[in-house]
Amino acid sequence: MTKPIQFTKEERTAIGGRIRDFFSKELDQDISQLQAEMTLDFFGAEIGGWFYNRGLYDAQAVVTARAEETVEAIYALERTADFKR
């Protein structure tokens, strides 16, 4: 079983506020902070993995690109020699 995504109390409060604002503005429905945090927990459990994995894929692409740039920079430092690798 994977470890659930966890937020600090301050993060949960801030995210809950954003959820409450969304429900109020977009759905014309007022919800409590507890309901907002329950919504956060639901979406985190049900679809959070997709967002988390997308972040991992994006980070991996950046690291791969930087590694390729580093390899090219190292090759550019090579000097003429009587031997080859």
N, C-alpha and C. Protein backbone atom coordinates (compact mmCIF):
# COMPACT_ATOMS: atom_id res chain seq x y z
N MET A 1 0.85 -1.18 0.00
CA MET A 1 0.00 0.00 0.00
C MET A 1 0.89 1.24 0.00
N THR A 2 0.52 2.22 -0.80
CA THR A 2 1.32 3.44 -0.87
C THR A 2 0.96 4.39 0.25
N LYS A 3 1.95 5.18 0.61
CA LYS A 3 1.75 6.17 1.67
C LYS A 3 0.89 7.31 1.14
N PRO A 4 -0.15 7.69 1.87
CA PRO A 4 -1.00 8.78 1.39
C PRO A 4 -0.25 10.11 1.40
N ILE A 5 -0.66 11.01 0.51
CA ILE A 5 -0.08 12.34 0.49
C ILE A 5 -0.54 13.07 1.74
N GLN A 6 0.40 13.64 2.47
CA GLN A 6 0.06 14.30 3.72
C GLN A 6 0.43 15.77 3.65
N PHE A 7 -0.42 16.61 4.24
CA PHE A 7 -0.20 18.03 4.30
C PHE A 7 -0.13 18.47 5.76
N THR A 8 0.58 19.56 6.02
CA THR A 8 0.61 20.11 7.37
C THR A 8 -0.76 20.69 7.70
N LYS A 9 -0.97 20.99 8.97
CA LYS A 9 -2.23 21.59 9.38
C LYS A 9 -2.46 22.92 8.65
N GLU A 10 -1.40 23.70 8.51
CA GLU A 10 -1.51 24.99 7.83
C GLU A 10 -1.87 24.80 6.35
N GLU A 11 -1.25 23.80 5.72
CA GLU A 11 -1.55 23.51 4.31
C GLU A 11 -3.00 23.05 4.15
N ARG A 12 -3.45 22.18 5.06
CA ARG A 12 -4.83 21.68 4.99
C ARG A 12 -5.83 22.83 5.16
N THR A 13 -5.51 23.76 6.05
CA THR A 13 -6.38 24.92 6.26
C THR A 13 -6.44 25.77 5.01
N ALA A 14 -5.27 26.02 4.40
CA ALA A 14 -5.21 26.85 3.19
C ALA A 14 -5.93 26.17 2.03
N ILE A 15 -5.67 24.88 1.83
CA ILE A 15 -6.32 24.15 0.74
C ILE A 15 -7.83 24.08 0.99
N GLY A 16 -8.21 23.84 2.23
CA GLY A 16 -9.63 23.80 2.58
C GLY A 16 -10.31 25.13 2.25
N GLY A 17 -9.61 26.23 2.49
CA GLY A 17 -10.16 27.54 2.15
C GLY A 17 -10.37 27.69 0.66
N ARG A 18 -9.44 27.19 -0.14
CA ARG A 18 -9.59 27.25 -1.60
C ARG A 18 -10.77 26.39 -2.06
N ILE A 19 -10.93 25.24 -1.44
CA ILE A 19 -12.06 24.37 -1.79
C ILE A 19 -13.38 25.04 -1.42
N ARG A 20 -13.41 25.65 -0.25
CA ARG A 20 -14.63 26.36 0.19
C ARG A 20 -14.97 27.49 -0.77
N ASP A 21 -13.94 28.24 -1.18
CA ASP A 21 -14.15 29.33 -2.14
C ASP A 21 -14.72 28.79 -3.45
N PHE A 22 -14.15 27.68 -3.93
CA PHE A 22 -14.64 27.08 -5.18
C PHE A 22 -16.10 26.70 -5.05
N PHE A 23 -16.46 26.00 -3.98
CA PHE A 23 -17.84 25.58 -3.79
C PHE A 23 -18.77 26.78 -3.73
N SER A 24 -18.33 27.82 -3.06
CA SER A 24 -19.16 29.02 -2.92
C SER A 24 -19.33 29.75 -4.24
N LYS A 25 -18.23 30.00 -4.94
CA LYS A 25 -18.28 30.79 -6.17
C LYS A 25 -18.83 30.01 -7.36
N GLU A 26 -18.39 28.78 -7.52
CA GLU A 26 -18.74 28.01 -8.72
C GLU A 26 -20.02 27.18 -8.56
N LEU A 27 -20.29 26.74 -7.34
CA LEU A 27 -21.44 25.86 -7.13
C LEU A 27 -22.53 26.50 -6.28
N ASP A 28 -22.27 27.75 -5.84
CA ASP A 28 -23.21 28.48 -4.99
C ASP A 28 -23.65 27.64 -3.79
N GLN A 29 -22.64 27.01 -3.16
CA GLN A 29 -22.90 26.14 -2.02
C GLN A 29 -21.88 26.43 -0.94
N ASP A 30 -22.34 26.69 0.26
CA ASP A 30 -21.44 26.93 1.38
C ASP A 30 -21.17 25.61 2.09
N ILE A 31 -19.89 25.34 2.33
CA ILE A 31 -19.50 24.13 3.05
C ILE A 31 -18.59 24.53 4.20
N SER A 32 -18.51 23.67 5.19
CA SER A 32 -17.66 23.94 6.35
C SER A 32 -16.21 23.57 6.04
N GLN A 33 -15.32 24.00 6.93
CA GLN A 33 -13.91 23.63 6.77
C GLN A 33 -13.75 22.11 6.84
N LEU A 34 -14.50 21.46 7.72
CA LEU A 34 -14.43 20.01 7.82
C LEU A 34 -14.86 19.35 6.51
N GLN A 35 -15.94 19.83 5.92
CA GLN A 35 -16.39 19.28 4.65
C GLN A 35 -15.35 19.52 3.55
N ALA A 36 -14.73 20.67 3.58
CA ALA A 36 -13.70 20.97 2.59
C ALA A 36 -12.52 20.02 2.76
N GLU A 37 -12.11 19.76 3.98
CA GLU A 37 -10.99 18.85 4.22
C GLU A 37 -11.36 17.42 3.88
N MET A 38 -12.61 17.04 4.08
CA MET A 38 -13.06 15.71 3.67
C MET A 38 -13.03 15.59 2.15
N THR A 39 -13.37 16.67 1.46
CA THR A 39 -13.30 16.70 0.00
C THR A 39 -11.85 16.55 -0.44
N LEU A 40 -10.95 17.26 0.24
CA LEU A 40 -9.52 17.14 -0.04
C LEU A 40 -9.06 15.70 0.13
N ASP A 41 -9.44 15.08 1.23
CA ASP A 41 -9.05 13.69 1.48
C ASP A 41 -9.59 12.75 0.40
N PHE A 42 -10.84 12.97 0.00
CA PHE A 42 -11.44 12.13 -1.03
C PHE A 42 -10.67 12.25 -2.34
N PHE A 43 -10.46 13.49 -2.81
CA PHE A 43 -9.76 13.67 -4.08
C PHE A 43 -8.30 13.23 -3.99
N GLY A 44 -7.69 13.44 -2.85
CA GLY A 44 -6.31 12.98 -2.67
C GLY A 44 -6.22 11.47 -2.80
N ALA A 45 -7.16 10.77 -2.19
CA ALA A 45 -7.15 9.31 -2.24
C ALA A 45 -7.55 8.78 -3.62
N GLU A 46 -8.49 9.44 -4.27
CA GLU A 46 -9.03 8.92 -5.53
C GLU A 46 -8.24 9.33 -6.77
N ILE A 47 -7.74 10.56 -6.80
CA ILE A 47 -7.03 11.01 -8.01
C ILE A 47 -5.67 11.64 -7.72
N GLY A 48 -5.32 11.74 -6.46
CA GLY A 48 -4.04 12.35 -6.10
C GLY A 48 -2.85 11.66 -6.74
N GLY A 49 -2.94 10.35 -6.89
CA GLY A 49 -1.84 9.60 -7.50
C GLY A 49 -1.53 10.05 -8.91
N TRP A 50 -2.56 10.40 -9.66
CA TRP A 50 -2.33 10.86 -11.04
C TRP A 50 -1.56 12.19 -11.05
N PHE A 51 -1.94 13.10 -10.18
CA PHE A 51 -1.23 14.37 -10.10
C PHE A 51 0.20 14.17 -9.60
N TYR A 52 0.34 13.32 -8.60
CA TYR A 52 1.67 13.04 -8.04
C TYR A 52 2.57 12.42 -9.11
N ASN A 53 2.05 11.43 -9.82
CA ASN A 53 2.85 10.77 -10.87
C ASN A 53 3.21 11.74 -11.99
N ARG A 54 2.29 12.62 -12.37
CA ARG A 54 2.58 13.61 -13.41
C ARG A 54 3.75 14.49 -12.96
N GLY A 55 3.74 14.88 -11.70
CA GLY A 55 4.85 15.66 -11.16
C GLY A 55 6.16 14.90 -11.22
N LEU A 56 6.11 13.60 -10.91
CA LEU A 56 7.32 12.78 -11.00
C LEU A 56 7.82 12.68 -12.43
N TYR A 57 6.90 12.47 -13.38
CA TYR A 57 7.29 12.36 -14.79
C TYR A 57 7.92 13.67 -15.28
N ASP A 58 7.32 14.79 -14.88
CA ASP A 58 7.85 16.09 -15.28
C ASP A 58 9.24 16.31 -14.67
N ALA A 59 9.41 15.94 -13.40
CA ALA A 59 10.72 16.09 -12.75
C ALA A 59 11.74 15.18 -13.41
N GLN A 60 11.36 13.97 -13.75
CA GLN A 60 12.27 13.04 -14.41
C GLN A 60 12.71 13.58 -15.76
N ALA A 61 11.81 14.20 -16.50
CA ALA A 61 12.15 14.78 -17.80
C ALA A 61 13.17 15.91 -17.64
N VAL A 62 13.02 16.72 -16.61
CA VAL A 62 13.96 17.81 -16.36
C VAL A 62 15.33 17.25 -16.00
N VAL A 63 15.36 16.26 -15.12
CA VAL A 63 16.64 15.66 -14.70
C VAL A 63 17.33 15.00 -15.89
N THR A 64 16.57 14.28 -16.71
CA THR A 64 17.13 13.63 -17.90
C THR A 64 17.73 14.66 -18.85
N ALA A 65 17.01 15.74 -19.10
CA ALA A 65 17.51 16.79 -20.00
C ALA A 65 18.79 17.42 -19.45
N ARG A 66 18.82 17.67 -18.15
CA ARG A 66 20.01 18.27 -17.53
C ARG A 66 21.19 17.30 -17.58
N ALA A 67 20.92 16.02 -17.39
CA ALA A 67 21.99 15.02 -17.45
C ALA A 67 22.58 14.97 -18.85
N GLU A 68 21.73 15.02 -19.87
CA GLU A 68 22.22 15.01 -21.24
C GLU A 68 23.05 16.25 -21.54
N GLU A 69 22.63 17.40 -21.02
CA GLU A 69 23.40 18.63 -21.20
C GLU A 69 24.76 18.51 -20.52
N THR A 70 24.79 17.90 -19.35
CA THR A 70 26.03 17.72 -18.62
C THR A 70 26.99 16.80 -19.37
N VAL A 71 26.47 15.72 -19.91
CA VAL A 71 27.30 14.80 -20.69
C VAL A 71 27.89 15.52 -21.89
N GLU A 72 27.09 16.30 -22.58
CA GLU A 72 27.58 17.06 -23.73
C GLU A 72 28.66 18.07 -23.31
N ALA A 73 28.46 18.72 -22.17
CA ALA A 73 29.44 19.68 -21.68
C ALA A 73 30.76 18.99 -21.33
N ILE A 74 30.67 17.79 -20.78
CA ILE A 74 31.88 17.04 -20.44
C ILE A 74 32.62 16.63 -21.71
N TYR A 75 31.89 16.15 -22.71
CA TYR A 75 32.53 15.80 -23.98
C TYR A 75 33.21 17.02 -24.60
N ALA A 76 32.63 18.17 -24.44
CA ALA A 76 33.22 19.40 -25.00
C ALA A 76 34.55 19.73 -24.34
N LEU A 77 34.81 19.21 -23.16
CA LEU A 77 36.06 19.47 -22.45
C LEU A 77 37.20 18.55 -22.91
N GLU A 78 36.86 17.52 -23.66
CA GLU A 78 37.88 16.57 -24.10
C GLU A 78 38.94 17.29 -24.95
N ARG A 79 40.14 16.80 -24.81
CA ARG A 79 41.26 17.34 -25.58
C ARG A 79 41.81 16.26 -26.49
N THR A 80 42.51 16.70 -27.52
CA THR A 80 43.12 15.76 -28.45
C THR A 80 44.17 14.93 -27.70
N ALA A 81 44.11 13.63 -27.95
CA ALA A 81 45.06 12.72 -27.30
C ALA A 81 45.37 11.59 -28.25
N ASP A 82 46.42 10.85 -27.96
CA ASP A 82 46.83 9.73 -28.81
C ASP A 82 45.97 8.50 -28.58
N PHE A 83 45.07 8.56 -27.67
CA PHE A 83 44.24 7.38 -27.40
C PHE A 83 42.77 7.79 -27.40
N LYS A 84 41.94 6.82 -27.61
CA LYS A 84 40.49 7.03 -27.54
C LYS A 84 39.92 6.04 -26.53
N ARG A 85 38.82 6.36 -25.99
CA ARG A 85 38.17 5.47 -25.05
C ARG A 85 37.61 4.27 -25.74
